[in-house]
């Protein structure tokens, strides 16, 4: 197993870590209510996932 001979400097460590970036979450449209939702997650507006009603809507419109 390879073991480093010398301590990696702070600038080299930070330069290496600067490449670890996150990507934006992809949104899909809900087939029931046509609102944007995260993929593979129940719709927060209507509460359906894969054609089934799983939960009540988490967001409620208060006027």
N, C-alpha and C. Protein backbone atom coordinates (compact mmCIF):
# COMPACT_ATOMS: atom_id res chain seq x y z
N UNK A 1 0.84 -1.18 0.00
CA UNK A 1 0.00 0.00 0.00
C UNK A 1 0.89 1.24 0.00
N UNK A 2 0.55 2.22 -0.84
CA UNK A 2 1.35 3.42 -0.96
C UNK A 2 1.09 4.36 0.22
N UNK A 3 2.17 4.86 0.79
CA UNK A 3 2.08 5.79 1.90
C UNK A 3 2.86 7.03 1.51
N UNK A 4 2.29 8.24 1.72
CA UNK A 4 3.01 9.46 1.35
C UNK A 4 4.28 9.65 2.18
N UNK A 5 5.36 10.07 1.51
CA UNK A 5 6.61 10.29 2.23
C UNK A 5 6.61 11.62 2.96
N UNK A 6 5.94 12.61 2.38
CA UNK A 6 5.94 13.94 2.97
C UNK A 6 4.52 14.47 3.13
N UNK A 7 4.41 15.43 4.05
CA UNK A 7 3.11 16.05 4.28
C UNK A 7 2.72 16.89 3.08
N UNK A 8 1.47 16.77 2.66
CA UNK A 8 0.99 17.57 1.54
C UNK A 8 0.69 18.98 2.04
N UNK A 9 1.17 19.98 1.31
CA UNK A 9 0.99 21.36 1.75
C UNK A 9 -0.49 21.76 1.72
N UNK A 10 -0.80 22.80 2.44
CA UNK A 10 -2.18 23.26 2.52
C UNK A 10 -2.69 23.73 1.15
N UNK A 11 -1.84 24.39 0.38
CA UNK A 11 -2.28 24.87 -0.94
C UNK A 11 -2.52 23.71 -1.90
N UNK A 12 -1.69 22.68 -1.83
CA UNK A 12 -1.91 21.51 -2.69
C UNK A 12 -3.17 20.76 -2.27
N UNK A 13 -3.41 20.66 -0.97
CA UNK A 13 -4.61 19.99 -0.49
C UNK A 13 -5.85 20.73 -0.95
N UNK A 14 -5.84 22.04 -0.80
CA UNK A 14 -7.01 22.84 -1.20
C UNK A 14 -7.18 22.87 -2.71
N UNK A 15 -6.09 22.84 -3.46
CA UNK A 15 -6.20 22.81 -4.92
C UNK A 15 -6.82 21.49 -5.37
N UNK A 16 -6.47 20.40 -4.70
CA UNK A 16 -7.05 19.10 -5.03
C UNK A 16 -8.53 19.06 -4.66
N UNK A 17 -8.86 19.59 -3.50
CA UNK A 17 -10.26 19.56 -3.05
C UNK A 17 -11.15 20.52 -3.81
N UNK A 18 -10.57 21.49 -4.51
CA UNK A 18 -11.39 22.45 -5.24
C UNK A 18 -12.11 21.80 -6.41
N UNK A 19 -11.69 20.62 -6.83
CA UNK A 19 -12.34 19.94 -7.94
C UNK A 19 -13.56 19.15 -7.51
N UNK A 20 -13.77 18.98 -6.21
CA UNK A 20 -14.93 18.24 -5.71
C UNK A 20 -16.13 19.17 -5.70
N UNK A 21 -16.93 19.10 -6.76
CA UNK A 21 -18.07 19.99 -6.89
C UNK A 21 -19.34 19.18 -6.92
N UNK A 22 -20.42 19.80 -6.53
CA UNK A 22 -21.72 19.15 -6.59
C UNK A 22 -22.44 19.59 -7.86
N UNK A 23 -23.42 18.82 -8.27
CA UNK A 23 -24.21 19.18 -9.44
C UNK A 23 -25.62 19.55 -9.00
N UNK A 24 -26.28 20.35 -9.79
CA UNK A 24 -27.64 20.76 -9.47
C UNK A 24 -28.58 19.57 -9.61
N UNK A 25 -29.55 19.49 -8.73
CA UNK A 25 -30.52 18.40 -8.77
C UNK A 25 -31.41 18.56 -10.00
N UNK A 26 -31.67 17.45 -10.68
CA UNK A 26 -32.48 17.52 -11.88
C UNK A 26 -33.96 17.46 -11.50
N UNK A 27 -34.74 18.30 -12.14
CA UNK A 27 -36.17 18.36 -11.87
C UNK A 27 -36.94 17.70 -13.00
N UNK A 28 -38.05 17.09 -12.66
CA UNK A 28 -38.95 16.49 -13.64
C UNK A 28 -40.34 17.06 -13.38
N UNK A 29 -41.21 16.95 -14.37
CA UNK A 29 -42.57 17.44 -14.17
C UNK A 29 -43.44 16.30 -13.66
N UNK A 30 -44.31 16.62 -12.73
CA UNK A 30 -45.23 15.64 -12.18
C UNK A 30 -46.29 15.31 -13.22
N UNK A 31 -46.56 14.03 -13.48
CA UNK A 31 -47.56 13.70 -14.50
C UNK A 31 -48.98 14.05 -14.06
N UNK A 32 -49.23 14.18 -12.75
CA UNK A 32 -50.57 14.50 -12.26
C UNK A 32 -50.85 16.00 -12.32
N UNK A 33 -50.00 16.78 -11.64
CA UNK A 33 -50.28 18.21 -11.50
C UNK A 33 -49.37 19.10 -12.34
N UNK A 34 -48.41 18.51 -13.04
CA UNK A 34 -47.50 19.23 -13.95
C UNK A 34 -46.59 20.24 -13.24
N UNK A 35 -46.40 20.09 -11.94
CA UNK A 35 -45.48 20.98 -11.24
C UNK A 35 -44.10 20.34 -11.20
N UNK A 36 -43.03 21.13 -11.10
CA UNK A 36 -41.68 20.55 -11.03
C UNK A 36 -41.46 19.83 -9.71
N UNK A 37 -40.78 18.67 -9.78
CA UNK A 37 -40.49 17.88 -8.58
C UNK A 37 -39.16 17.19 -8.78
N UNK A 38 -38.56 16.74 -7.68
CA UNK A 38 -37.33 15.97 -7.76
C UNK A 38 -37.65 14.57 -8.29
N UNK A 39 -36.72 14.00 -9.04
CA UNK A 39 -36.95 12.67 -9.57
C UNK A 39 -36.85 11.63 -8.46
N UNK A 40 -37.61 10.57 -8.56
CA UNK A 40 -37.63 9.44 -7.62
C UNK A 40 -38.12 9.84 -6.23
N UNK A 41 -38.90 10.91 -6.14
CA UNK A 41 -39.44 11.38 -4.87
C UNK A 41 -40.89 11.75 -5.11
N UNK A 42 -41.75 11.52 -4.12
CA UNK A 42 -43.15 11.88 -4.24
C UNK A 42 -43.28 13.39 -4.44
N UNK A 43 -44.28 13.77 -5.22
CA UNK A 43 -44.51 15.18 -5.54
C UNK A 43 -44.93 15.93 -4.28
N UNK A 44 -44.27 17.04 -3.95
CA UNK A 44 -44.66 17.77 -2.74
C UNK A 44 -45.97 18.53 -2.90
N UNK A 45 -46.43 18.73 -4.14
CA UNK A 45 -47.66 19.48 -4.36
C UNK A 45 -48.89 18.58 -4.24
N UNK A 46 -48.88 17.44 -4.95
CA UNK A 46 -50.06 16.58 -4.93
C UNK A 46 -49.85 15.29 -4.16
N UNK A 47 -48.61 14.93 -3.83
CA UNK A 47 -48.35 13.75 -3.00
C UNK A 47 -48.38 12.43 -3.74
N UNK A 48 -48.27 12.44 -5.07
CA UNK A 48 -48.31 11.18 -5.82
C UNK A 48 -46.89 10.80 -6.27
N UNK A 49 -46.71 9.50 -6.42
CA UNK A 49 -45.45 8.98 -6.96
C UNK A 49 -45.77 7.70 -7.71
N UNK A 50 -45.32 7.62 -8.94
CA UNK A 50 -45.49 6.45 -9.80
C UNK A 50 -46.97 6.08 -9.96
N UNK A 51 -47.80 7.11 -10.08
CA UNK A 51 -49.22 6.89 -10.31
C UNK A 51 -50.03 6.57 -9.07
N UNK A 52 -49.42 6.58 -7.89
CA UNK A 52 -50.13 6.24 -6.66
C UNK A 52 -50.11 7.43 -5.71
N UNK A 53 -51.15 7.55 -4.91
CA UNK A 53 -51.23 8.61 -3.89
C UNK A 53 -50.56 8.08 -2.62
N UNK A 54 -49.47 8.71 -2.23
CA UNK A 54 -48.73 8.24 -1.06
C UNK A 54 -48.93 9.11 0.16
N UNK A 55 -48.98 10.42 -0.01
CA UNK A 55 -49.07 11.30 1.14
C UNK A 55 -49.90 12.52 0.76
N UNK A 56 -50.39 13.19 1.75
CA UNK A 56 -51.07 14.45 1.50
C UNK A 56 -50.01 15.47 1.08
N UNK A 57 -50.46 16.51 0.44
CA UNK A 57 -49.54 17.55 -0.04
C UNK A 57 -48.87 18.22 1.15
N UNK A 58 -47.57 18.41 1.06
CA UNK A 58 -46.85 19.06 2.14
C UNK A 58 -47.02 20.57 2.06
N UNK A 59 -47.06 21.09 0.83
CA UNK A 59 -47.25 22.52 0.63
C UNK A 59 -48.73 22.81 0.50
N UNK A 60 -49.24 23.72 1.28
CA UNK A 60 -50.64 24.10 1.14
C UNK A 60 -50.68 25.61 0.85
N UNK A 61 -51.54 25.98 -0.05
CA UNK A 61 -51.66 27.39 -0.44
C UNK A 61 -52.58 28.10 0.55
N UNK A 62 -52.03 29.08 1.25
CA UNK A 62 -52.83 29.88 2.18
C UNK A 62 -52.99 31.26 1.56
N UNK A 63 -54.22 31.65 1.33
CA UNK A 63 -54.49 32.95 0.71
C UNK A 63 -54.92 33.97 1.73
